[in-house]
């Protein structure tokens, strides 16, 4: 990779905490499926539970319980929408 592309790539890197700051109430967040699930990003989003309302999180067969769902048992802040309805979604 040449220096120009490397510099551009480096300028776009963000921590999970920084990345979820662009999420607003009412947004739809599409996350990776199966083993591509962005655990750090989803955990950082769960930390914002008191700041956000009606954020729809869409995934396909999450392999573990979501921290956003655990942080919001009343589903006022985060709504989990599993497009495959795997074992984790059925347990919720």
Protein backbone atom coordinates (compact mmCIF):
# COMPACT_ATOMS: atom_id res chain seq x y z
CA UNK A 1 0.00 0.00 0.00
CA UNK A 2 1.46 3.34 -0.94
CA UNK A 3 1.88 6.16 1.59
CA UNK A 4 -1.12 8.15 0.33
CA UNK A 5 -3.57 5.30 0.92
CA UNK A 6 -1.90 4.34 4.18
CA UNK A 7 -2.28 7.91 5.48
CA UNK A 8 -5.93 8.06 4.41
CA UNK A 9 -6.61 4.71 6.08
CA UNK A 10 -4.93 5.81 9.30
CA UNK A 11 -6.95 9.05 9.35
CA UNK A 12 -10.20 7.06 9.34
CA UNK A 13 -9.40 4.67 12.18
CA UNK A 14 -11.67 5.07 15.24
CA UNK A 15 -12.18 3.28 18.52
CA UNK A 16 -15.52 1.56 19.02
CA UNK A 17 -16.50 4.30 21.48
CA UNK A 18 -15.76 6.98 18.88
CA UNK A 19 -17.54 5.10 16.10
CA UNK A 20 -20.86 4.75 17.95
CA UNK A 21 -21.02 8.50 18.58
CA UNK A 22 -22.57 8.88 15.11
CA UNK A 23 -25.59 6.77 16.14
CA UNK A 24 -28.68 8.84 16.94
CA UNK A 25 -32.07 8.01 18.41
CA UNK A 26 -34.32 6.43 15.79
CA UNK A 27 -31.41 5.12 13.70
CA UNK A 28 -31.17 1.65 12.21
CA UNK A 29 -27.83 -0.05 12.88
CA UNK A 30 -26.93 -3.00 10.66
CA UNK A 31 -24.28 -5.22 12.20
CA UNK A 32 -22.28 -8.18 10.93
CA UNK A 33 -23.62 -11.66 10.92
CA UNK A 34 -22.53 -14.94 12.45
CA UNK A 35 -18.79 -14.73 13.21
CA UNK A 36 -18.47 -11.22 11.77
CA UNK A 37 -20.33 -9.77 14.75
CA UNK A 38 -18.62 -6.52 15.94
CA UNK A 39 -18.51 -7.23 19.68
CA UNK A 40 -16.58 -4.10 20.70
CA UNK A 41 -18.85 -1.84 18.67
CA UNK A 42 -22.05 -3.40 20.04
CA UNK A 43 -20.71 -3.18 23.62
CA UNK A 44 -19.85 0.50 23.12
CA UNK A 45 -23.35 1.12 21.81
CA UNK A 46 -24.80 -0.56 24.92
CA UNK A 47 -22.89 1.95 27.05
CA UNK A 48 -25.00 4.72 25.46
CA UNK A 49 -28.29 3.14 26.62
CA UNK A 50 -29.39 6.23 28.57
CA UNK A 51 -28.67 8.60 25.65
CA UNK A 52 -30.54 6.81 22.85
CA UNK A 53 -34.15 5.82 22.13
CA UNK A 54 -35.68 3.51 19.51
CA UNK A 55 -32.44 2.38 17.91
CA UNK A 56 -33.21 -0.64 15.74
CA UNK A 57 -30.31 -3.11 15.67
CA UNK A 58 -30.49 -5.57 12.79
CA UNK A 59 -28.34 -8.67 12.59
CA UNK A 60 -28.37 -12.19 11.24
CA UNK A 61 -27.97 -14.98 13.78
CA UNK A 62 -25.96 -13.40 16.56
CA UNK A 63 -23.96 -16.11 18.26
CA UNK A 64 -24.26 -14.69 21.76
CA UNK A 65 -26.66 -12.48 23.74
CA UNK A 66 -26.34 -8.82 22.82
CA UNK A 67 -25.08 -6.33 25.39
CA UNK A 68 -27.55 -3.77 24.02
CA UNK A 69 -30.43 -6.11 24.79
CA UNK A 70 -29.06 -6.88 28.25
CA UNK A 71 -28.64 -3.15 28.96
CA UNK A 72 -32.24 -2.42 27.97
CA UNK A 73 -34.62 -5.17 29.12
CA UNK A 74 -37.68 -2.95 28.52
CA UNK A 75 -36.72 -2.39 24.85
CA UNK A 76 -37.21 1.36 25.08
CA UNK A 77 -33.75 2.20 23.81
CA UNK A 78 -32.66 -0.71 21.60
CA UNK A 79 -34.82 -3.00 19.48
CA UNK A 80 -33.08 -6.16 18.30
CA UNK A 81 -34.26 -7.45 14.93
CA UNK A 82 -32.73 -10.80 13.94
CA UNK A 83 -33.28 -11.48 10.25
CA UNK A 84 -32.64 -15.18 10.67
CA UNK A 85 -34.27 -15.74 14.05
CA UNK A 86 -31.48 -17.95 15.35
CA UNK A 87 -31.15 -19.54 18.78
CA UNK A 88 -30.14 -16.31 20.55
CA UNK A 89 -33.11 -14.40 19.09
CA UNK A 90 -35.53 -17.18 20.00
CA UNK A 91 -34.29 -17.12 23.60
CA UNK A 92 -35.08 -13.39 23.79
